[in-house]
Amino acid sequence: MYTRFILILLFTFSVTVQAASGGASYSNGKANYYPLEPALVVNLHDGKRMRFMQVKVQVMTRDTDVITALQENNPAIRHELLMLLSHQSIAAMRDVQTREKVRQQALQQLGTVLKTLTGLSAEKTVEDPEGNKHPSGIQALYFTDFVIQ
């Protein structure tokens, strides 16, 4: 009987603490990088030849909840990136300025996906242990490997 009372008390306390935190996001105050693995591979048409493009992507966030959201929503995120990349041409992707535009589009699309699926966005802020505020969501997206063959 006493054990049951303790368990109920602990459960009630746990639920109260979770509710009090309001599901607040937490920042560790540093840049957290998350690789979207495996590398993204898309087929591209080059005249009559079929070619492929392989891109490794990493995202940066200061919100540790974003890392969890990226892991949990990996299929939707990969889908959006694959659709964006597969609509590019080889000639365009050889141009560094075009790659930068595509990178910016990818960053926007991932932000939209996370906001839609999880409510996380860069407009919200998170607080680190020292009380400093940082934007939530994905702050940057990097192409860390880019191959066209």
Foldseek 3Di string as FASTA:
>chain_A
DVVVVVVVVVVVVVVVVVVVVVPAWEFQPDKDKDKLPDWQKEWADDDPDIKMKTWTKIFIWRTPVVNVLCVVCSVVLSVVLRVLVRPDHPVQVVDPVSVVVSQVVSQVVQQVVCCVPPVAHQVDWHAHPVGDIHGTDTPGMDGPDMDMD
